[in-house]
Amino acid sequence: MAIIYVLQGAGNKGKSTTLINVCNKLERKYNKPLTPISYSSANKLIDIKVILTNIKTKNGGILTVGITSQGDVADRIIREINEFLSNNCDIIFSACHLSGNTVDAVNLFHRNNTIDFTQQVIQKNTYNVPNTNQTMQDKCNDCMADHLIDKSGL
């Protein structure tokens, strides 16, 4: 049984960026160089899929973690969660929309797994955070990544 943390939101609202941030933060925290299976377009990283093994939790457990940032295509969500489950992932991070077939795809896994939905925070202001190169949405995505990591106990 896995715990599946699902970031929900409309398209182009920061879900993929937040989950890529989760991946990067876990890579740094656990000193695990990753080679994610990346999906890109025009040389820009859009979505990732990665499995992290031998992750030590705060309480001393050892976990396998799967992360996919793709949440727009139901068939791909199903395929990637199945792949993570077949690789014995204890924790899975994924994305989906607020309603419709992507939510239905995630809910297919509720019988044997715990699903935890979290809604992506959207910052409507487009100005930069003072003294940084970050937009307010960048800051929200970073905070959301920290929230998901804390929520998962990693």
Protein backbone atom coordinates (compact mmCIF):
# COMPACT_ATOMS: atom_id res chain seq x y z
CA MET A 1 0.00 0.00 0.00
CA ALA A 2 1.33 3.43 -1.00
CA ILE A 3 0.42 6.93 0.01
CA ILE A 4 -0.26 8.97 -3.12
CA TYR A 5 0.06 12.74 -2.70
CA VAL A 6 -1.78 14.41 -5.56
CA LEU A 7 -1.38 18.08 -6.39
CA GLN A 8 -4.57 19.37 -7.99
CA GLY A 9 -5.09 22.43 -10.16
CA ALA A 10 -6.00 23.79 -13.55
CA GLY A 11 -3.52 23.59 -16.42
CA ASN A 12 -0.53 25.92 -16.38
CA LYS A 13 -0.93 26.87 -12.74
CA GLY A 14 2.36 25.55 -11.31
CA LYS A 15 1.70 21.88 -10.52
CA SER A 16 4.58 20.54 -12.61
CA THR A 17 6.96 23.21 -11.35
CA THR A 18 5.99 22.44 -7.75
CA LEU A 19 6.60 18.69 -8.23
CA ILE A 20 9.90 19.34 -10.01
CA ASN A 21 10.79 21.44 -6.94
CA VAL A 22 9.87 18.46 -4.71
CA CYS A 23 12.22 16.28 -6.76
CA ASN A 24 15.06 18.82 -6.58
CA LYS A 25 14.64 19.38 -2.84
CA LEU A 26 14.64 15.64 -2.10
CA GLU A 27 17.69 15.19 -4.31
CA ARG A 28 19.56 17.81 -2.25
CA LYS A 29 18.21 16.67 1.12
CA TYR A 30 19.14 13.02 0.63
CA ASN A 31 22.27 13.69 -1.46
CA LYS A 32 20.93 11.47 -4.22
CA PRO A 33 21.95 12.51 -7.71
CA LEU A 34 18.96 11.74 -9.88
CA THR A 35 18.56 10.95 -13.52
CA PRO A 36 14.88 11.64 -14.01
CA ILE A 37 13.10 10.41 -17.05
CA SER A 38 12.27 13.83 -18.44
CA TYR A 39 9.60 14.97 -20.83
CA SER A 40 10.56 18.19 -22.51
CA SER A 41 9.47 20.49 -25.26
CA ALA A 42 11.66 23.01 -27.10
CA ASN A 43 14.56 22.23 -24.71
CA LYS A 44 12.49 23.31 -21.70
CA LEU A 45 11.82 20.82 -18.90
CA ILE A 46 8.08 20.47 -18.60
CA ASP A 47 7.48 17.20 -16.76
CA ILE A 48 9.55 14.62 -14.94
CA LYS A 49 9.22 11.07 -13.71
CA VAL A 50 11.71 9.65 -11.22
CA ILE A 51 12.02 6.93 -8.57
CA LEU A 52 14.17 7.59 -5.49
CA THR A 53 15.30 4.52 -3.55
CA ASN A 54 16.64 4.03 -0.02
CA ILE A 55 15.21 7.27 1.34
CA LYS A 56 15.58 7.45 5.11
CA THR A 57 12.62 9.00 6.88
CA LYS A 58 12.63 11.13 10.01
CA ASN A 59 11.58 8.09 12.07
CA GLY A 60 14.33 5.85 10.64
CA GLY A 61 12.34 3.97 8.01
CA ILE A 62 13.60 3.30 4.49
CA LEU A 63 11.26 4.21 1.65
CA THR A 64 11.03 4.24 -2.13
CA VAL A 65 9.51 7.43 -3.57
CA GLY A 66 8.03 7.99 -7.04
CA ILE A 67 7.50 11.46 -8.48
CA THR A 68 5.69 12.38 -11.68
CA SER A 69 4.81 15.94 -12.53
CA GLN A 70 2.52 15.09 -15.44
CA GLY A 71 -1.12 15.53 -14.53
CA ASP A 72 -2.93 16.43 -17.74
CA VAL A 73 -3.44 13.02 -19.39
CA ALA A 74 -5.44 10.36 -17.53
CA ASP A 75 -3.88 7.39 -19.33
CA ARG A 76 -0.39 8.57 -18.49
CA ILE A 77 -1.32 9.14 -14.82
CA ILE A 78 -2.59 5.56 -14.63
CA ARG A 79 0.49 4.16 -16.39
CA GLU A 80 2.95 6.08 -14.20
CA ILE A 81 1.24 5.31 -10.88
CA ASN A 82 1.09 1.63 -11.89
CA GLU A 83 4.80 1.76 -12.69
CA PHE A 84 5.57 3.29 -9.30
CA LEU A 85 3.46 0.67 -7.53
CA SER A 86 5.18 -2.15 -9.44
CA ASN A 87 8.51 -0.68 -8.26
CA ASN A 88 7.24 -0.85 -4.65
CA CYS A 89 7.07 2.90 -4.11
CA ASP A 90 5.86 3.69 -0.60
CA ILE A 91 5.19 7.35 -1.38
CA ILE A 92 4.08 8.73 -4.74
CA PHE A 93 3.77 12.37 -5.76
CA SER A 94 1.56 13.09 -8.76
CA ALA A 95 -0.69 15.76 -10.23
CA CYS A 96 -4.17 16.03 -11.71
CA HIS A 97 -6.80 18.59 -12.59
CA LEU A 98 -9.54 19.72 -10.20
CA SER A 99 -12.19 17.47 -11.76
CA GLY A 100 -12.78 15.13 -14.66
CA ASN A 101 -10.94 12.13 -16.04
CA THR A 102 -7.57 12.91 -14.42
CA VAL A 103 -9.19 12.85 -10.96
CA ASP A 104 -11.01 9.65 -11.94
CA ALA A 105 -7.65 8.17 -13.00
CA VAL A 106 -6.11 8.86 -9.58
CA ASN A 107 -9.18 7.55 -7.76
CA LEU A 108 -8.77 4.17 -9.48
CA PHE A 109 -6.01 3.53 -6.92
CA HIS A 110 -8.00 4.35 -3.75
CA ARG A 111 -8.92 0.77 -2.86
CA ASN A 112 -5.40 -0.39 -2.00
CA ASN A 113 -3.68 2.94 -1.37
CA THR A 114 -4.16 6.15 0.56
CA ILE A 115 -4.77 9.19 -1.63
CA ASP A 116 -4.18 12.69 -0.31
CA PHE A 117 -5.32 15.56 -2.55
CA THR A 118 -3.80 19.03 -2.10
CA GLN A 119 -4.88 22.02 -4.16
CA GLN A 120 -2.12 24.05 -5.85
CA VAL A 121 -1.87 27.61 -4.53
CA ILE A 122 -2.14 30.17 -7.31
CA GLN A 123 -0.71 33.66 -6.90
CA LYS A 124 -2.51 36.17 -9.10
CA ASN A 125 0.08 38.90 -8.57
CA THR A 126 2.84 38.69 -11.17
CA TYR A 127 5.38 40.95 -9.50
CA ASN A 128 8.73 39.70 -8.20
CA VAL A 129 9.51 38.90 -4.58
CA PRO A 130 11.65 41.80 -3.28
CA ASN A 131 15.42 41.24 -3.55
CA THR A 132 15.04 38.03 -5.59
CA ASN A 133 14.53 36.89 -9.16
CA GLN A 134 11.45 34.92 -8.08
CA THR A 135 7.91 35.79 -9.05
CA MET A 136 5.22 35.43 -6.42
CA GLN A 137 4.07 32.22 -8.19
CA ASP A 138 7.62 30.85 -8.03
CA LYS A 139 7.56 31.49 -4.28
CA CYS A 140 4.16 29.77 -3.97
CA ASN A 141 5.46 26.76 -5.92
CA ASP A 142 8.49 26.55 -3.64
CA CYS A 143 6.32 26.75 -0.50
CA MET A 144 3.94 24.12 -1.92
CA ALA A 145 6.90 21.78 -2.51
CA ASP A 146 7.99 22.24 1.13
CA HIS A 147 4.42 21.59 2.25
CA LEU A 148 4.18 18.32 0.31
CA ILE A 149 7.56 17.13 1.61
CA ASP A 150 6.57 17.96 5.21
CA LYS A 151 3.17 16.34 4.78
CA SER A 152 4.81 13.14 3.54
CA GLY A 153 7.24 12.99 6.46
CA LEU A 154 10.30 13.05 4.20
